[in-house]
């Protein structure tokens, strides 16, 4: 079936939105999964860089110094107080739970617009958290800047697309009567229906 220009544009908007939100969800899932074996990952990274027998004082650059500092900190903490790693487990789990919430907007962005709005607020709040708490915890500015960049992109790509604004969504919605299948769903366009929450 041939689509009109406006219908093709609507399909393209929805496909673009879903692809970018799927990448955002994937990032949350990977962040969660990789937070469980944190010490092993630091040990492996230090080994790959040939730092396994070195201390932070022996590091030749700021990157290696920070890797060794975190590795040694995890070694000492987990050896003496292994229960502290339980907090990291909950942090990892939280990432996975947050990712689950974004499945709703992936299926129906109009009905679940409130989840996207909450996500935008969360991304904005990352800025003061990283700047204030990062300084208190003595995390180098470079590493905080990296985290700020990740969440800045997370906020401005999948969450601030014009297609997720309620008025834009309604303008770009697909009607059940159009007979146009939703991208990535392949059956009914009801996933992007015009019904308000």
N, C-alpha and C. Protein backbone atom coordinates (compact mmCIF):
# COMPACT_ATOMS: atom_id res chain seq x y z
N UNK A 1 0.84 -1.20 0.00
CA UNK A 1 0.00 0.00 0.00
C UNK A 1 0.88 1.25 0.00
N UNK A 2 0.55 2.23 -0.87
CA UNK A 2 1.32 3.45 -0.98
C UNK A 2 0.87 4.45 0.08
N UNK A 3 1.84 5.03 0.77
CA UNK A 3 1.53 6.01 1.81
C UNK A 3 1.57 7.41 1.24
N UNK A 4 0.70 8.25 1.75
CA UNK A 4 0.76 9.66 1.38
C UNK A 4 1.96 10.30 2.05
N UNK A 5 2.27 11.52 1.62
CA UNK A 5 3.44 12.19 2.19
C UNK A 5 3.34 12.38 3.68
N UNK A 6 2.18 12.80 4.18
CA UNK A 6 2.01 13.04 5.61
C UNK A 6 2.08 11.74 6.40
N UNK A 7 1.47 10.67 5.84
CA UNK A 7 1.51 9.38 6.53
C UNK A 7 2.92 8.83 6.59
N UNK A 8 3.67 8.97 5.49
CA UNK A 8 5.05 8.49 5.47
C UNK A 8 5.90 9.25 6.49
N UNK A 9 5.63 10.55 6.62
CA UNK A 9 6.37 11.35 7.60
C UNK A 9 6.04 10.89 9.02
N UNK A 10 4.78 10.57 9.28
CA UNK A 10 4.39 10.09 10.60
C UNK A 10 5.07 8.77 10.94
N UNK A 11 5.11 7.88 9.96
CA UNK A 11 5.77 6.60 10.15
C UNK A 11 7.25 6.80 10.43
N UNK A 12 7.89 7.72 9.70
CA UNK A 12 9.32 7.98 9.89
C UNK A 12 9.59 8.56 11.28
N UNK A 13 8.70 9.46 11.74
CA UNK A 13 8.87 10.04 13.08
C UNK A 13 8.78 8.96 14.14
N UNK A 14 7.80 8.09 14.01
CA UNK A 14 7.61 7.03 15.00
C UNK A 14 8.78 6.06 14.98
N UNK A 15 9.25 5.71 13.79
CA UNK A 15 10.38 4.79 13.68
C UNK A 15 11.64 5.40 14.30
N UNK A 16 11.87 6.68 14.03
CA UNK A 16 13.04 7.36 14.58
C UNK A 16 12.96 7.42 16.11
N UNK A 17 11.78 7.75 16.60
CA UNK A 17 11.58 7.82 18.04
C UNK A 17 11.84 6.47 18.70
N UNK A 18 11.28 5.41 18.12
CA UNK A 18 11.44 4.08 18.71
C UNK A 18 12.90 3.62 18.68
N UNK A 19 13.59 3.89 17.60
CA UNK A 19 15.00 3.47 17.52
C UNK A 19 15.83 4.16 18.59
N UNK A 20 15.63 5.46 18.77
CA UNK A 20 16.43 6.21 19.73
C UNK A 20 16.06 5.83 21.17
N UNK A 21 14.78 5.61 21.42
CA UNK A 21 14.38 5.19 22.76
C UNK A 21 14.87 3.79 23.06
N UNK A 22 14.91 2.92 22.05
CA UNK A 22 15.44 1.57 22.23
C UNK A 22 16.93 1.63 22.60
N UNK A 23 17.67 2.54 22.00
CA UNK A 23 19.08 2.70 22.36
C UNK A 23 19.23 3.20 23.79
N UNK A 24 18.33 4.08 24.21
CA UNK A 24 18.34 4.58 25.57
C UNK A 24 18.08 3.44 26.56
N UNK A 25 17.11 2.60 26.25
CA UNK A 25 16.80 1.45 27.09
C UNK A 25 17.99 0.49 27.15
N UNK A 26 18.60 0.25 25.99
CA UNK A 26 19.76 -0.63 25.95
C UNK A 26 20.89 -0.10 26.83
N UNK A 27 21.09 1.22 26.80
CA UNK A 27 22.11 1.82 27.66
C UNK A 27 21.84 1.59 29.13
N UNK A 28 20.57 1.73 29.53
CA UNK A 28 20.20 1.47 30.93
C UNK A 28 20.45 0.01 31.30
N UNK A 29 20.08 -0.90 30.41
CA UNK A 29 20.27 -2.33 30.69
C UNK A 29 21.75 -2.66 30.82
N UNK A 30 22.56 -2.16 29.91
CA UNK A 30 24.00 -2.42 29.97
C UNK A 30 24.62 -1.81 31.22
N UNK A 31 24.18 -0.61 31.59
CA UNK A 31 24.69 0.03 32.81
C UNK A 31 24.35 -0.82 34.03
N UNK A 32 23.14 -1.38 34.03
CA UNK A 32 22.74 -2.21 35.16
C UNK A 32 23.51 -3.52 35.23
N UNK A 33 23.60 -4.21 34.10
CA UNK A 33 24.27 -5.51 34.09
C UNK A 33 25.74 -5.39 34.45
N UNK A 34 26.40 -4.35 33.92
CA UNK A 34 27.84 -4.21 34.17
C UNK A 34 28.15 -3.67 35.56
N UNK A 35 27.13 -3.28 36.31
CA UNK A 35 27.38 -2.81 37.68
C UNK A 35 27.50 -3.96 38.68
N UNK A 36 27.03 -5.13 38.31
CA UNK A 36 27.12 -6.27 39.23
C UNK A 36 28.57 -6.74 39.42
N UNK A 37 29.32 -7.04 38.34
CA UNK A 37 30.70 -7.53 38.51
C UNK A 37 31.73 -6.41 38.46
N UNK A 38 31.48 -5.33 39.18
CA UNK A 38 32.31 -4.13 39.05
C UNK A 38 33.78 -4.40 39.36
N UNK A 39 34.06 -5.12 40.44
CA UNK A 39 35.46 -5.37 40.80
C UNK A 39 36.16 -6.20 39.74
N UNK A 40 35.49 -7.23 39.25
CA UNK A 40 36.10 -8.06 38.21
C UNK A 40 36.39 -7.25 36.96
N UNK A 41 35.47 -6.34 36.62
CA UNK A 41 35.68 -5.50 35.44
C UNK A 41 36.89 -4.59 35.61
N UNK A 42 37.05 -4.02 36.80
CA UNK A 42 38.22 -3.16 37.05
C UNK A 42 39.50 -3.96 37.03
N UNK A 43 39.47 -5.17 37.58
CA UNK A 43 40.65 -6.04 37.54
C UNK A 43 41.01 -6.38 36.10
N UNK A 44 40.00 -6.69 35.29
CA UNK A 44 40.24 -7.04 33.90
C UNK A 44 40.78 -5.85 33.12
N UNK A 45 40.22 -4.66 33.36
CA UNK A 45 40.68 -3.46 32.67
C UNK A 45 42.13 -3.14 33.04
N UNK A 46 42.45 -3.27 34.31
CA UNK A 46 43.83 -3.03 34.75
C UNK A 46 44.77 -4.04 34.11
N UNK A 47 44.32 -5.29 34.00
CA UNK A 47 45.15 -6.32 33.40
C UNK A 47 45.40 -6.06 31.92
N UNK A 48 44.34 -5.65 31.21
CA UNK A 48 44.47 -5.36 29.78
C UNK A 48 45.46 -4.23 29.54
N UNK A 49 45.50 -3.27 30.46
CA UNK A 49 46.41 -2.13 30.32
C UNK A 49 47.77 -2.39 30.96
N UNK A 50 47.97 -3.63 31.43
CA UNK A 50 49.27 -4.00 32.00
C UNK A 50 49.54 -3.36 33.35
N UNK A 51 48.48 -3.15 34.13
CA UNK A 51 48.62 -2.44 35.40
C UNK A 51 48.40 -3.34 36.61
N UNK A 52 48.29 -4.66 36.39
CA UNK A 52 47.88 -5.52 37.48
C UNK A 52 48.83 -5.50 38.68
N UNK A 53 50.09 -5.22 38.48
CA UNK A 53 51.06 -5.20 39.59
C UNK A 53 51.44 -3.78 40.01
N UNK A 54 50.71 -2.81 39.54
CA UNK A 54 51.04 -1.42 39.83
C UNK A 54 50.10 -0.84 40.87
N UNK A 55 50.54 0.25 41.49
CA UNK A 55 49.71 1.02 42.43
C UNK A 55 49.37 2.35 41.77
N UNK A 56 48.41 3.08 42.31
CA UNK A 56 48.09 4.39 41.71
C UNK A 56 49.29 5.31 41.60
N UNK A 57 50.20 5.24 42.56
CA UNK A 57 51.39 6.10 42.52
C UNK A 57 52.30 5.79 41.34
N UNK A 58 52.19 4.56 40.81
CA UNK A 58 53.05 4.15 39.69
C UNK A 58 52.46 4.51 38.33
N UNK A 59 51.23 4.95 38.32
CA UNK A 59 50.53 5.21 37.05
C UNK A 59 51.20 6.35 36.29
N UNK A 60 51.25 6.19 34.96
CA UNK A 60 51.90 7.21 34.15
C UNK A 60 50.96 8.29 33.63
N UNK A 61 49.67 8.12 33.84
CA UNK A 61 48.72 9.13 33.37
C UNK A 61 47.50 9.14 34.28
N UNK A 62 46.67 10.16 34.13
CA UNK A 62 45.51 10.33 35.00
C UNK A 62 44.49 9.21 34.84
N UNK A 63 44.35 8.71 33.62
CA UNK A 63 43.38 7.63 33.39
C UNK A 63 43.76 6.37 34.16
N UNK A 64 45.02 5.95 34.01
CA UNK A 64 45.48 4.76 34.72
C UNK A 64 45.46 4.97 36.24
N UNK A 65 45.80 6.19 36.66
CA UNK A 65 45.78 6.49 38.10
C UNK A 65 44.38 6.30 38.67
N UNK A 66 43.36 6.75 37.95
CA UNK A 66 41.99 6.62 38.45
C UNK A 66 41.54 5.17 38.41
N UNK A 67 41.90 4.44 37.35
CA UNK A 67 41.54 3.02 37.27
C UNK A 67 42.13 2.25 38.45
N UNK A 68 43.39 2.50 38.76
CA UNK A 68 44.05 1.80 39.86
C UNK A 68 43.48 2.25 41.21
N UNK A 69 43.13 3.51 41.32
CA UNK A 69 42.55 4.01 42.57
C UNK A 69 41.22 3.32 42.86
N UNK A 70 40.37 3.23 41.85
CA UNK A 70 39.07 2.58 42.02
C UNK A 70 39.24 1.09 42.26
N UNK A 71 40.15 0.46 41.51
CA UNK A 71 40.38 -0.98 41.70
C UNK A 71 40.83 -1.29 43.11
N UNK A 72 41.82 -0.52 43.60
CA UNK A 72 42.31 -0.77 44.96
C UNK A 72 41.25 -0.46 46.01
N UNK A 73 40.44 0.57 45.74
CA UNK A 73 39.37 0.89 46.67
C UNK A 73 38.35 -0.23 46.76
N UNK A 74 38.00 -0.81 45.61
CA UNK A 74 37.05 -1.92 45.61
C UNK A 74 37.66 -3.16 46.26
N UNK A 75 38.93 -3.40 46.00
CA UNK A 75 39.60 -4.55 46.62
C UNK A 75 39.52 -4.47 48.14
N UNK A 76 39.90 -3.32 48.68
CA UNK A 76 39.93 -3.15 50.13
C UNK A 76 38.53 -3.17 50.73
N UNK A 77 37.61 -2.49 50.07
CA UNK A 77 36.25 -2.41 50.60
C UNK A 77 35.56 -3.76 50.58
N UNK A 78 35.65 -4.46 49.46
CA UNK A 78 34.96 -5.75 49.34
C UNK A 78 35.60 -6.81 50.22
N UNK A 79 36.90 -6.70 50.46
CA UNK A 79 37.58 -7.67 51.32
C UNK A 79 37.20 -7.47 52.78
N UNK A 80 37.11 -6.23 53.21
CA UNK A 80 36.82 -5.94 54.62
C UNK A 80 35.33 -5.79 54.91
N UNK A 81 34.59 -5.26 53.93
CA UNK A 81 33.16 -5.01 54.14
C UNK A 81 32.39 -5.47 52.89
N UNK A 82 32.32 -6.76 52.64
CA UNK A 82 31.66 -7.24 51.41
C UNK A 82 30.19 -6.86 51.31
N UNK A 83 29.55 -6.59 52.43
CA UNK A 83 28.13 -6.23 52.41
C UNK A 83 27.88 -4.88 51.74
N UNK A 84 28.94 -4.05 51.64
CA UNK A 84 28.76 -2.77 50.95
C UNK A 84 28.46 -2.97 49.46
N UNK A 85 28.92 -4.08 48.90
CA UNK A 85 28.65 -4.37 47.49
C UNK A 85 27.16 -4.59 47.24
N UNK A 86 26.44 -4.89 48.30
CA UNK A 86 24.99 -5.08 48.18
C UNK A 86 24.31 -3.80 47.70
N UNK A 87 24.85 -2.66 48.13
CA UNK A 87 24.32 -1.38 47.65
C UNK A 87 24.51 -1.22 46.15
N UNK A 88 25.66 -1.68 45.64
CA UNK A 88 25.90 -1.62 44.20
C UNK A 88 24.95 -2.56 43.45
N UNK A 89 24.62 -3.69 44.09
CA UNK A 89 23.67 -4.61 43.47
C UNK A 89 22.31 -3.94 43.28
N UNK A 90 21.89 -3.18 44.29
CA UNK A 90 20.61 -2.49 44.19
C UNK A 90 20.66 -1.37 43.14
N UNK A 91 21.81 -0.72 43.02
CA UNK A 91 21.97 0.30 41.98
C UNK A 91 21.83 -0.33 40.60
N UNK A 92 22.47 -1.49 40.43
CA UNK A 92 22.37 -2.20 39.15
C UNK A 92 20.92 -2.59 38.88
N UNK A 93 20.25 -3.10 39.89
CA UNK A 93 18.85 -3.51 39.75
C UNK A 93 17.97 -2.31 39.39
N UNK A 94 18.26 -1.15 39.98
CA UNK A 94 17.47 0.05 39.70
C UNK A 94 17.56 0.43 38.23
N UNK A 95 18.73 0.30 37.63
CA UNK A 95 18.87 0.59 36.21
C UNK A 95 17.96 -0.32 35.37
N UNK A 96 17.91 -1.59 35.74
CA UNK A 96 17.08 -2.53 35.00
C UNK A 96 15.59 -2.22 35.17
N UNK A 97 15.20 -1.83 36.37
CA UNK A 97 13.80 -1.49 36.62
C UNK A 97 13.41 -0.24 35.84
N UNK A 98 14.28 0.76 35.82
CA UNK A 98 14.00 1.98 35.07
C UNK A 98 13.84 1.67 33.58
N UNK A 99 14.69 0.77 33.09
CA UNK A 99 14.59 0.37 31.68
C UNK A 99 13.23 -0.24 31.38
N UNK A 100 12.69 -1.01 32.33
CA UNK A 100 11.38 -1.62 32.14
C UNK A 100 10.28 -0.58 31.95
N UNK A 101 10.38 0.52 32.70
CA UNK A 101 9.36 1.56 32.60
C UNK A 101 9.30 2.16 31.19
N UNK A 102 10.44 2.24 30.52
CA UNK A 102 10.47 2.87 29.21
C UNK A 102 9.95 1.97 28.10
N UNK A 103 9.62 0.72 28.43
CA UNK A 103 9.00 -0.13 27.43
C UNK A 103 7.62 0.40 27.07
N UNK A 104 6.92 0.97 28.07
CA UNK A 104 5.60 1.54 27.81
C UNK A 104 5.64 2.61 26.73
N UNK A 105 6.49 3.65 26.85
CA UNK A 105 6.57 4.65 25.79
C UNK A 105 7.05 4.08 24.46
N UNK A 106 7.83 3.01 24.52
CA UNK A 106 8.29 2.40 23.28
C UNK A 106 7.10 1.83 22.50
N UNK A 107 6.12 1.30 23.22
CA UNK A 107 4.93 0.72 22.59
C UNK A 107 3.91 1.81 22.25
N UNK A 108 3.66 2.70 23.21
CA UNK A 108 2.65 3.74 23.01
C UNK A 108 3.14 5.05 23.62
N UNK A 109 3.85 5.87 22.86
CA UNK A 109 4.43 7.11 23.40
C UNK A 109 3.39 8.14 23.84
N UNK A 110 2.21 8.15 23.23
CA UNK A 110 1.20 9.13 23.61
C UNK A 110 0.62 8.81 24.97
N UNK A 111 0.19 7.58 25.14
CA UNK A 111 -0.45 7.19 26.39
C UNK A 111 0.54 7.24 27.55
N UNK A 112 1.82 7.01 27.27
CA UNK A 112 2.83 6.95 28.32
C UNK A 112 3.75 8.17 28.33
N UNK A 113 3.22 9.31 27.89
CA UNK A 113 4.03 10.52 27.82
C UNK A 113 4.57 10.92 29.19
N UNK A 114 3.84 10.60 30.27
CA UNK A 114 4.28 10.99 31.61
C UNK A 114 5.59 10.30 31.98
N UNK A 115 5.82 9.09 31.46
CA UNK A 115 7.08 8.39 31.75
C UNK A 115 8.24 9.13 31.09
N UNK A 116 8.03 9.60 29.87
CA UNK A 116 9.07 10.36 29.18
C UNK A 116 9.34 11.68 29.89
N UNK A 117 8.30 12.33 30.37
CA UNK A 117 8.48 13.59 31.09
C UNK A 117 9.25 13.35 32.39
N UNK A 118 8.92 12.27 33.10
CA UNK A 118 9.67 11.93 34.31
C UNK A 118 11.12 11.62 33.98
N UNK A 119 11.35 10.98 32.84
CA UNK A 119 12.73 10.69 32.42
C UNK A 119 13.52 11.96 32.15
N UNK A 120 12.87 12.95 31.54
CA UNK A 120 13.53 14.22 31.28
C UNK A 120 13.93 14.89 32.61
N UNK A 121 13.01 14.88 33.57
CA UNK A 121 13.30 15.48 34.88
C UNK A 121 14.47 14.76 35.54
N UNK A 122 14.49 13.42 35.45
CA UNK A 122 15.57 12.65 36.05
C UNK A 122 16.91 13.00 35.40
N UNK A 123 16.91 13.15 34.09
CA UNK A 123 18.15 13.50 33.38
C UNK A 123 18.65 14.88 33.79
N UNK A 124 17.73 15.83 33.96
CA UNK A 124 18.12 17.18 34.39
C UNK A 124 18.72 17.14 35.79
N UNK A 125 18.15 16.32 36.67
CA UNK A 125 18.63 16.24 38.05
C UNK A 125 19.99 15.56 38.15
N UNK A 126 20.41 14.86 37.09
CA UNK A 126 21.74 14.26 37.09
C UNK A 126 22.82 15.34 37.22
N UNK A 127 22.56 16.52 36.66
CA UNK A 127 23.57 17.58 36.64
C UNK A 127 23.96 18.01 38.06
N UNK A 128 23.03 18.45 38.91
CA UNK A 128 23.45 18.83 40.27
C UNK A 128 24.00 17.66 41.07
N UNK A 129 23.45 16.46 40.84
CA UNK A 129 23.95 15.30 41.57
C UNK A 129 25.42 15.03 41.25
N UNK A 130 25.75 15.04 39.96
CA UNK A 130 27.12 14.76 39.55
C UNK A 130 28.08 15.86 40.00
N UNK A 131 27.64 17.11 39.89
CA UNK A 131 28.52 18.22 40.25
C UNK A 131 28.74 18.33 41.76
N UNK A 132 27.68 18.14 42.54
CA UNK A 132 27.78 18.32 44.00
C UNK A 132 28.32 17.06 44.67
N UNK A 133 27.64 15.95 44.46
CA UNK A 133 28.05 14.71 45.12
C UNK A 133 29.38 14.20 44.58
N UNK A 134 29.62 14.41 43.29
CA UNK A 134 30.89 13.98 42.73
C UNK A 134 32.07 14.71 43.37
N UNK A 135 31.88 16.00 43.61
CA UNK A 135 32.95 16.76 44.28
C UNK A 135 33.14 16.30 45.72
N UNK A 136 32.05 16.04 46.42
CA UNK A 136 32.14 15.58 47.80
C UNK A 136 32.84 14.23 47.88
N UNK A 137 32.57 13.35 46.92
CA UNK A 137 33.17 12.00 46.91
C UNK A 137 34.54 11.97 46.24
N UNK A 138 35.04 13.14 45.83
CA UNK A 138 36.38 13.26 45.24
C UNK A 138 36.51 12.49 43.92
N UNK A 139 35.44 12.51 43.14
CA UNK A 139 35.49 11.92 41.81
C UNK A 139 36.05 12.97 40.85
N UNK A 140 37.07 12.63 40.06
CA UNK A 140 37.66 13.61 39.13
C UNK A 140 36.61 14.23 38.21
N UNK A 141 36.79 15.50 37.90
CA UNK A 141 35.83 16.22 37.07
C UNK A 141 35.65 15.57 35.71
N UNK A 142 36.73 15.03 35.16
CA UNK A 142 36.64 14.37 33.86
C UNK A 142 35.66 13.22 33.85
N UNK A 143 35.67 12.43 34.91
CA UNK A 143 34.75 11.30 34.99
C UNK A 143 33.33 11.76 35.23
N UNK A 144 33.16 12.85 35.95
CA UNK A 144 31.82 13.40 36.14
C UNK A 144 31.31 14.01 34.84
N UNK A 145 32.20 14.63 34.08
CA UNK A 145 31.81 15.22 32.80
C UNK A 145 31.35 14.14 31.83
N UNK A 146 32.01 12.99 31.88
CA UNK A 146 31.62 11.88 31.01
C UNK A 146 30.20 11.43 31.36
N UNK A 147 29.91 11.31 32.64
CA UNK A 147 28.57 10.91 33.06
C UNK A 147 27.54 11.97 32.67
N UNK A 148 27.91 13.24 32.81
CA UNK A 148 26.99 14.32 32.42
C UNK A 148 26.71 14.27 30.92
N UNK A 149 27.73 13.96 30.13
CA UNK A 149 27.55 13.89 28.69
C UNK A 149 26.60 12.76 28.32
N UNK A 150 26.78 11.61 28.97
CA UNK A 150 25.91 10.47 28.67
C UNK A 150 24.46 10.81 28.94
N UNK A 151 24.20 11.42 30.10
CA UNK A 151 22.82 11.72 30.45
C UNK A 151 22.28 12.93 29.67
N UNK A 152 23.17 13.83 29.25
CA UNK A 152 22.74 14.93 28.40
C UNK A 152 22.22 14.39 27.07
N UNK A 153 22.96 13.44 26.51
CA UNK A 153 22.52 12.82 25.25
C UNK A 153 21.25 12.01 25.47
N UNK A 154 21.18 11.34 26.62
CA UNK A 154 19.98 10.56 26.92
C UNK A 154 18.75 11.43 27.02
N UNK A 155 18.95 12.66 27.46
CA UNK A 155 17.82 13.58 27.63
C UNK A 155 17.43 14.22 26.30
N UNK A 156 18.40 14.54 25.48
CA UNK A 156 18.12 15.33 24.28
C UNK A 156 17.92 14.51 23.02
N UNK A 157 18.18 13.22 23.07
CA UNK A 157 17.91 12.43 21.86
C UNK A 157 16.59 11.69 21.95
N UNK A 158 16.45 10.66 22.80
CA UNK A 158 15.17 9.95 22.76
C UNK A 158 14.06 10.66 23.51
N UNK A 159 14.40 11.53 24.45
CA UNK A 159 13.36 12.08 25.31
C UNK A 159 12.86 13.46 24.87
N UNK A 160 13.63 14.17 24.07
CA UNK A 160 13.22 15.51 23.67
C UNK A 160 12.92 15.61 22.18
N UNK A 161 12.67 14.47 21.55
CA UNK A 161 12.27 14.52 20.15
C UNK A 161 10.94 15.27 20.03
N UNK A 162 10.76 16.02 18.98
CA UNK A 162 9.50 16.73 18.81
C UNK A 162 8.30 15.78 18.84
N UNK A 163 8.49 14.54 18.44
CA UNK A 163 7.37 13.61 18.35
C UNK A 163 6.83 13.19 19.70
N UNK A 164 7.53 13.50 20.81
CA UNK A 164 7.00 13.06 22.10
C UNK A 164 6.26 14.19 22.81
N UNK A 165 6.36 15.40 22.30
CA UNK A 165 5.56 16.47 22.88
C UNK A 165 4.09 16.16 22.64
N UNK A 166 3.23 16.33 23.65
CA UNK A 166 1.82 15.94 23.46
C UNK A 166 1.19 16.53 22.22
N UNK A 167 1.41 17.83 21.96
CA UNK A 167 0.79 18.44 20.79
C UNK A 167 1.38 17.87 19.51
N UNK A 168 2.71 17.62 19.53
CA UNK A 168 3.35 17.05 18.34
C UNK A 168 2.91 15.61 18.13
N UNK A 169 2.76 14.89 19.24
CA UNK A 169 2.31 13.49 19.15
C UNK A 169 0.95 13.43 18.48
N UNK A 170 0.05 14.31 18.92
CA UNK A 170 -1.29 14.29 18.36
C UNK A 170 -1.26 14.67 16.89
N UNK A 171 -0.31 15.53 16.54
CA UNK A 171 -0.21 15.93 15.14
C UNK A 171 0.37 14.81 14.29
N UNK A 172 1.17 13.93 14.94
CA UNK A 172 1.85 12.88 14.18
C UNK A 172 1.24 11.52 14.38
N UNK A 173 0.08 11.45 15.05
CA UNK A 173 -0.50 10.16 15.39
C UNK A 173 -1.01 9.45 14.15
N UNK A 174 -1.08 8.13 14.25
CA UNK A 174 -1.60 7.31 13.17
C UNK A 174 -3.01 6.88 13.54
N UNK A 175 -3.91 7.04 12.65
CA UNK A 175 -5.30 6.65 12.92
C UNK A 175 -5.49 5.17 12.67
N UNK A 176 -6.32 4.53 13.50
CA UNK A 176 -6.65 3.14 13.28
C UNK A 176 -7.32 2.95 11.93
N UNK A 177 -7.98 3.99 11.44
CA UNK A 177 -8.69 3.88 10.17
C UNK A 177 -7.77 4.02 8.97
N UNK A 178 -6.53 4.43 9.21
CA UNK A 178 -5.62 4.65 8.08
C UNK A 178 -5.14 3.35 7.48
N UNK A 179 -5.14 2.28 8.31
CA UNK A 179 -4.67 1.00 7.81
C UNK A 179 -3.17 0.92 7.70
N UNK A 180 -2.45 1.88 8.29
CA UNK A 180 -0.99 1.89 8.21
C UNK A 180 -0.44 1.16 9.41
N UNK A 181 0.36 0.13 9.19
CA UNK A 181 0.94 -0.62 10.30
C UNK A 181 2.04 0.19 10.96
N UNK A 182 2.11 0.09 12.28
CA UNK A 182 3.16 0.80 13.01
C UNK A 182 4.51 0.16 12.76
N UNK A 183 5.56 0.94 12.54
CA UNK A 183 6.89 0.38 12.38
C UNK A 183 7.29 -0.38 13.63
N UNK A 184 8.03 -1.44 13.44
CA UNK A 184 8.57 -2.27 14.52
C UNK A 184 7.48 -3.03 15.26
N UNK A 185 6.23 -2.89 14.85
CA UNK A 185 5.16 -3.67 15.45
C UNK A 185 4.56 -4.58 14.38
N UNK A 186 4.26 -3.96 13.23
CA UNK A 186 3.87 -4.75 12.08
C UNK A 186 2.42 -5.19 12.06
N UNK A 187 1.62 -4.75 13.02
CA UNK A 187 0.23 -5.17 12.99
C UNK A 187 -0.68 -3.96 13.03
N UNK A 188 -1.10 -3.57 14.23
CA UNK A 188 -2.05 -2.48 14.34
C UNK A 188 -1.37 -1.18 14.69
N UNK A 189 -1.80 -0.06 14.10
CA UNK A 189 -1.24 1.24 14.43
C UNK A 189 -1.77 1.77 15.75
N UNK A 190 -2.51 0.98 16.49
CA UNK A 190 -3.06 1.44 17.75
C UNK A 190 -1.97 1.77 18.76
N UNK A 191 -0.75 1.31 18.48
CA UNK A 191 0.35 1.59 19.40
C UNK A 191 0.65 3.08 19.45
N UNK A 192 0.20 3.81 18.43
CA UNK A 192 0.45 5.25 18.43
C UNK A 192 -0.87 5.97 18.26
N UNK A 193 -1.87 5.48 18.97
CA UNK A 193 -3.21 5.97 18.78
C UNK A 193 -3.37 7.38 19.30
N UNK A 194 -4.46 8.00 18.92
CA UNK A 194 -4.70 9.37 19.30
C UNK A 194 -5.46 9.56 20.59
N UNK A 195 -5.69 8.49 21.33
CA UNK A 195 -6.41 8.62 22.58
C UNK A 195 -5.51 9.23 23.63
N UNK A 196 -6.01 10.18 24.35
CA UNK A 196 -5.23 10.78 25.42
C UNK A 196 -5.23 9.87 26.62
N UNK A 197 -4.19 9.96 27.50
CA UNK A 197 -4.12 9.09 28.67
C UNK A 197 -5.33 9.25 29.55
